[in-house]
N, C-alpha and C. Protein backbone atom coordinates (compact mmCIF):
# COMPACT_ATOMS: atom_id res chain seq x y z
N UNK A 1 2.05 10.87 17.22
CA UNK A 1 2.51 10.14 15.97
C UNK A 1 3.18 11.26 14.96
N UNK A 2 2.60 12.57 15.00
CA UNK A 2 3.29 13.50 14.10
C UNK A 2 4.66 13.86 14.67
N UNK A 3 4.71 13.93 15.92
CA UNK A 3 6.04 14.17 16.64
C UNK A 3 7.10 13.28 16.18
N UNK A 4 6.61 11.96 16.27
CA UNK A 4 7.58 10.94 15.95
C UNK A 4 7.93 11.03 14.50
N UNK A 5 7.03 11.17 13.64
CA UNK A 5 7.39 11.39 12.22
C UNK A 5 8.41 12.51 11.97
N UNK A 6 8.15 13.61 12.65
CA UNK A 6 9.00 14.73 12.60
C UNK A 6 10.39 14.31 13.10
N UNK A 7 10.59 13.61 14.22
CA UNK A 7 11.82 13.18 14.65
C UNK A 7 12.50 12.34 13.70
N UNK A 8 11.83 11.51 13.11
CA UNK A 8 12.47 10.54 12.06
C UNK A 8 12.92 11.23 10.80
N UNK A 9 12.18 12.31 10.53
CA UNK A 9 12.54 13.15 9.40
C UNK A 9 13.97 13.79 9.66
N UNK A 10 13.98 14.38 11.11
CA UNK A 10 15.28 15.00 11.47
C UNK A 10 16.30 14.06 11.41
N UNK A 11 16.15 12.79 11.89
CA UNK A 11 17.16 11.68 11.71
C UNK A 11 17.62 11.39 10.32
N UNK A 12 16.64 11.46 9.36
CA UNK A 12 17.06 11.26 8.05
C UNK A 12 17.92 12.19 7.50
N UNK A 13 17.65 13.52 7.98
CA UNK A 13 18.51 14.71 7.56
C UNK A 13 19.66 14.89 8.33
N UNK A 14 19.94 14.05 9.24
CA UNK A 14 21.16 14.07 10.09
C UNK A 14 21.14 15.32 10.81
N UNK A 15 19.97 15.65 11.33
CA UNK A 15 19.80 16.77 12.21
C UNK A 15 19.61 16.26 13.75
N UNK A 16 19.80 17.15 14.61
CA UNK A 16 19.67 16.76 16.05
C UNK A 16 18.33 16.73 16.44
N UNK A 17 17.83 15.88 17.19
CA UNK A 17 16.34 15.61 17.54
C UNK A 17 16.29 16.46 18.88
N UNK A 18 15.74 17.61 18.80
CA UNK A 18 15.44 18.41 19.92
C UNK A 18 13.96 18.91 19.86
N UNK A 19 13.40 19.40 20.99
CA UNK A 19 12.11 19.85 20.91
C UNK A 19 11.95 21.00 19.88
N UNK A 20 12.79 22.00 19.83
CA UNK A 20 12.77 23.03 18.97
C UNK A 20 12.75 22.62 17.44
N UNK A 21 13.57 21.69 17.15
CA UNK A 21 13.66 21.05 15.79
C UNK A 21 12.50 20.39 15.40
N UNK A 22 11.91 19.53 16.27
CA UNK A 22 10.60 18.92 15.97
C UNK A 22 9.52 19.88 15.65
N UNK A 23 9.46 20.92 16.49
CA UNK A 23 8.46 22.00 16.37
C UNK A 23 8.57 22.67 15.08
N UNK A 24 9.81 22.84 14.71
CA UNK A 24 10.15 23.63 13.43
C UNK A 24 9.57 22.67 12.24
N UNK A 25 9.91 21.45 12.27
CA UNK A 25 9.38 20.36 11.16
C UNK A 25 8.02 20.33 11.15
N UNK A 26 7.24 20.34 12.35
CA UNK A 26 5.72 20.35 12.44
C UNK A 26 5.26 21.60 11.75
N UNK A 27 5.82 22.73 12.18
CA UNK A 27 5.34 24.08 11.70
C UNK A 27 5.54 24.09 10.22
N UNK A 28 6.65 23.59 9.57
CA UNK A 28 6.77 23.56 8.20
C UNK A 28 5.86 22.89 7.39
N UNK A 29 5.22 21.84 8.09
CA UNK A 29 4.33 20.83 7.58
C UNK A 29 2.90 21.32 7.78
N UNK A 30 2.74 22.40 8.46
CA UNK A 30 1.40 23.00 8.78
C UNK A 30 0.79 22.00 9.92
N UNK A 31 1.49 21.41 10.80
CA UNK A 31 0.82 20.73 11.77
C UNK A 31 1.25 21.39 13.21
N UNK A 32 0.46 21.08 14.06
CA UNK A 32 0.76 21.47 15.43
C UNK A 32 1.00 20.36 16.36
N UNK A 33 2.06 20.59 17.20
CA UNK A 33 2.43 19.36 18.03
C UNK A 33 2.02 19.70 19.45
N UNK A 34 2.03 18.54 20.36
CA UNK A 34 1.67 18.63 21.64
C UNK A 34 3.04 18.78 22.36
N UNK A 35 3.12 19.96 23.17
CA UNK A 35 4.55 20.07 23.95
C UNK A 35 4.84 18.95 24.80
N UNK A 36 3.95 18.44 25.51
CA UNK A 36 4.28 17.37 26.44
C UNK A 36 4.73 16.19 25.71
N UNK A 37 3.96 15.75 24.65
CA UNK A 37 4.37 14.61 23.83
C UNK A 37 5.81 14.80 23.12
N UNK A 38 6.04 15.97 22.79
CA UNK A 38 7.32 16.28 22.12
C UNK A 38 8.43 16.08 23.22
N UNK A 39 8.20 16.59 24.48
CA UNK A 39 9.18 16.48 25.44
C UNK A 39 9.49 15.07 25.85
N UNK A 40 8.36 14.31 26.02
CA UNK A 40 8.58 12.91 26.33
C UNK A 40 9.29 12.12 25.14
N UNK A 41 9.03 12.42 23.94
CA UNK A 41 9.68 11.77 22.85
C UNK A 41 11.15 12.00 22.91
N UNK A 42 11.52 13.32 23.00
CA UNK A 42 12.87 13.59 23.02
C UNK A 42 13.71 13.09 24.10
N UNK A 43 12.95 13.06 25.39
CA UNK A 43 13.56 12.29 26.52
C UNK A 43 13.84 10.84 26.32
N UNK A 44 12.84 10.29 25.63
CA UNK A 44 12.92 8.76 25.43
C UNK A 44 14.00 8.46 24.38
N UNK A 45 14.27 9.41 23.43
CA UNK A 45 15.26 9.16 22.36
C UNK A 45 16.67 9.54 22.83
N UNK A 46 16.81 10.12 23.88
CA UNK A 46 18.16 10.70 24.15
C UNK A 46 19.17 9.39 24.34
N UNK A 47 20.24 9.56 23.62
CA UNK A 47 21.25 8.44 23.80
C UNK A 47 20.89 7.37 22.73
N UNK A 48 19.86 7.41 21.97
CA UNK A 48 19.55 6.32 21.11
C UNK A 48 19.57 6.79 19.61
N UNK A 49 19.85 5.79 18.73
CA UNK A 49 19.87 6.16 17.26
C UNK A 49 18.47 5.83 16.79
N UNK A 50 17.92 6.70 16.07
CA UNK A 50 16.69 6.42 15.26
C UNK A 50 16.58 5.15 14.58
N UNK A 51 17.61 4.95 13.74
CA UNK A 51 17.71 3.74 12.95
C UNK A 51 17.66 2.52 13.86
N UNK A 52 18.19 2.52 14.97
CA UNK A 52 18.08 1.25 15.86
C UNK A 52 16.75 1.18 16.35
N UNK A 53 16.14 2.30 16.79
CA UNK A 53 14.74 2.20 17.31
C UNK A 53 13.76 1.67 16.25
N UNK A 54 13.95 2.07 14.89
CA UNK A 54 13.12 1.55 13.88
C UNK A 54 13.41 0.10 13.60
N UNK A 55 14.55 -0.37 13.68
CA UNK A 55 14.87 -1.81 13.54
C UNK A 55 14.24 -2.54 14.63
N UNK A 56 14.36 -2.05 15.90
CA UNK A 56 13.71 -2.81 17.02
C UNK A 56 12.26 -2.86 16.93
N UNK A 57 11.63 -1.77 16.41
CA UNK A 57 10.07 -1.78 16.21
C UNK A 57 9.79 -2.77 15.14
N UNK A 58 10.51 -2.83 14.06
CA UNK A 58 10.17 -3.77 12.98
C UNK A 58 10.36 -5.18 13.51
N UNK A 59 11.19 -5.48 14.26
CA UNK A 59 11.40 -6.87 14.91
C UNK A 59 10.13 -7.30 15.74
N UNK A 60 9.65 -6.30 16.53
CA UNK A 60 8.55 -6.56 17.35
C UNK A 60 7.25 -6.70 16.54
N UNK A 61 7.17 -6.02 15.38
CA UNK A 61 6.00 -6.27 14.51
C UNK A 61 6.05 -7.55 13.68
N UNK A 62 7.32 -8.17 13.62
CA UNK A 62 7.59 -9.39 12.79
C UNK A 62 6.59 -10.38 13.02
N UNK A 63 6.02 -10.56 14.23
CA UNK A 63 5.21 -11.75 14.65
C UNK A 63 3.74 -11.45 14.26
N UNK A 64 3.46 -10.23 13.85
CA UNK A 64 2.05 -9.93 13.55
C UNK A 64 1.70 -10.46 12.15
N UNK A 65 0.47 -10.83 11.95
CA UNK A 65 -0.13 -11.25 10.61
C UNK A 65 -0.53 -10.02 9.96
N UNK A 66 0.05 -9.83 8.80
CA UNK A 66 -0.41 -8.63 8.04
C UNK A 66 -1.22 -8.98 6.82
N UNK A 67 -1.50 -10.23 6.65
CA UNK A 67 -2.13 -10.72 5.32
C UNK A 67 -3.48 -11.06 5.30
N UNK A 68 -3.75 -12.29 4.92
CA UNK A 68 -5.12 -12.73 4.39
C UNK A 68 -6.25 -12.41 5.29
N UNK A 69 -7.32 -12.40 4.43
CA UNK A 69 -8.72 -12.23 5.07
C UNK A 69 -9.18 -10.77 4.90
N UNK A 70 -10.39 -10.58 5.01
CA UNK A 70 -10.90 -9.45 5.00
C UNK A 70 -10.55 -8.43 6.13
N UNK A 71 -10.59 -7.10 5.92
CA UNK A 71 -10.34 -6.20 7.15
C UNK A 71 -11.68 -6.31 8.05
N UNK A 72 -11.38 -6.09 9.38
CA UNK A 72 -12.50 -6.40 10.23
C UNK A 72 -13.78 -5.47 10.03
N UNK A 73 -13.60 -4.23 9.41
CA UNK A 73 -14.68 -3.34 9.18
C UNK A 73 -15.52 -3.72 7.91
N UNK A 74 -14.96 -4.55 7.13
CA UNK A 74 -15.70 -5.03 5.81
C UNK A 74 -16.78 -5.96 6.29
N UNK A 75 -17.97 -5.77 5.68
CA UNK A 75 -19.10 -6.56 5.97
C UNK A 75 -19.49 -7.30 4.59
N UNK A 76 -19.82 -8.58 4.86
CA UNK A 76 -20.08 -9.34 3.68
C UNK A 76 -21.63 -10.00 3.68
N UNK A 77 -22.11 -10.20 2.67
CA UNK A 77 -23.48 -10.69 2.57
C UNK A 77 -23.36 -12.20 2.70
N UNK A 78 -24.37 -12.93 2.63
CA UNK A 78 -24.51 -14.34 2.84
C UNK A 78 -23.53 -15.19 1.64
N UNK A 79 -23.56 -14.55 0.51
CA UNK A 79 -22.92 -15.20 -0.57
C UNK A 79 -21.32 -14.78 -0.60
N UNK A 80 -20.97 -14.04 0.34
CA UNK A 80 -19.50 -13.70 0.48
C UNK A 80 -19.13 -12.42 -0.28
N UNK A 81 -20.07 -11.81 -0.83
CA UNK A 81 -19.76 -10.54 -1.57
C UNK A 81 -19.69 -9.43 -0.59
N UNK A 82 -18.96 -8.40 -0.89
CA UNK A 82 -18.99 -7.19 0.07
C UNK A 82 -20.20 -6.31 -0.14
N UNK A 83 -20.78 -6.02 0.90
CA UNK A 83 -22.04 -5.20 0.89
C UNK A 83 -21.75 -3.80 0.41
N UNK A 84 -20.59 -3.26 1.02
CA UNK A 84 -20.36 -1.86 0.46
C UNK A 84 -20.12 -1.71 -0.98
N UNK A 85 -19.49 -2.58 -1.56
CA UNK A 85 -19.10 -2.59 -3.00
C UNK A 85 -20.54 -2.67 -3.86
N UNK A 86 -21.47 -3.56 -3.39
CA UNK A 86 -22.82 -3.65 -3.95
C UNK A 86 -23.56 -2.34 -3.85
N UNK A 87 -23.50 -1.73 -2.62
CA UNK A 87 -24.15 -0.43 -2.45
C UNK A 87 -23.58 0.66 -3.46
N UNK A 88 -22.35 0.67 -3.57
CA UNK A 88 -21.61 1.61 -4.46
C UNK A 88 -22.11 1.43 -5.80
N UNK A 89 -22.20 0.23 -6.35
CA UNK A 89 -22.53 -0.26 -7.71
C UNK A 89 -24.09 0.26 -7.88
N UNK A 90 -24.96 0.00 -6.91
CA UNK A 90 -26.32 0.44 -7.03
C UNK A 90 -26.47 1.96 -7.16
N UNK A 91 -25.76 2.69 -6.25
CA UNK A 91 -25.69 4.12 -6.34
C UNK A 91 -25.16 4.68 -7.55
N UNK A 92 -24.21 4.04 -8.22
CA UNK A 92 -23.66 4.36 -9.44
C UNK A 92 -24.61 4.32 -10.51
N UNK A 93 -25.45 3.08 -10.48
CA UNK A 93 -26.40 2.91 -11.49
C UNK A 93 -27.51 3.86 -11.33
N UNK A 94 -27.88 4.26 -10.14
CA UNK A 94 -28.90 5.20 -9.98
C UNK A 94 -28.56 6.72 -10.54
N UNK A 95 -27.25 6.95 -10.28
CA UNK A 95 -26.68 8.17 -10.75
C UNK A 95 -26.75 8.28 -12.29
N UNK A 96 -26.41 7.18 -13.01
CA UNK A 96 -26.46 7.00 -14.42
C UNK A 96 -27.82 7.34 -14.94
N UNK A 97 -28.82 6.56 -14.34
CA UNK A 97 -30.17 6.68 -14.73
C UNK A 97 -30.70 8.21 -14.69
N UNK A 98 -30.38 8.86 -13.55
CA UNK A 98 -30.66 10.26 -13.30
C UNK A 98 -30.09 11.12 -14.42
N UNK A 99 -28.99 10.81 -14.93
CA UNK A 99 -28.16 11.73 -15.87
C UNK A 99 -28.80 11.45 -17.35
N UNK A 100 -29.54 10.50 -17.44
CA UNK A 100 -30.01 10.20 -18.89
C UNK A 100 -30.90 11.34 -19.26
N UNK A 101 -30.77 11.87 -20.53
CA UNK A 101 -31.63 12.86 -21.09
C UNK A 101 -31.14 14.29 -20.68
N UNK A 102 -30.31 14.55 -20.00
CA UNK A 102 -29.81 15.94 -19.65
C UNK A 102 -28.62 16.38 -20.59
N UNK A 103 -28.07 15.46 -21.32
CA UNK A 103 -26.95 15.74 -22.09
C UNK A 103 -27.23 16.62 -23.28
N UNK A 104 -28.42 16.62 -23.74
CA UNK A 104 -28.89 17.47 -24.94
C UNK A 104 -29.18 18.90 -24.44
N UNK A 105 -29.36 19.19 -23.20
CA UNK A 105 -29.63 20.43 -22.67
C UNK A 105 -28.45 21.46 -22.90
N UNK A 106 -27.21 21.06 -22.85
CA UNK A 106 -26.06 21.84 -22.80
C UNK A 106 -25.25 21.75 -24.08
């Protein structure tokens, strides 16, 4: 994924998408790339324009539902409320109770 992002940055900057250029972009961002992945990416992009690849990818994603409903990792209680939010609220109340009385010490 990092290599692809670097390749797209190169395309935005009107730079040639090569293994060396991708590595330079990754290094500049403090990331390390996988040499095999970079080589495969460069080979796959030969003769193709990054803009066209992005447009084709967006078309393929067009049929996916991106909207309604809770995320799969969210858990709800029987009343439909989110359990995580309730836990956070309880933890916050406990922290507030612990802090009571210490303000005068400093």
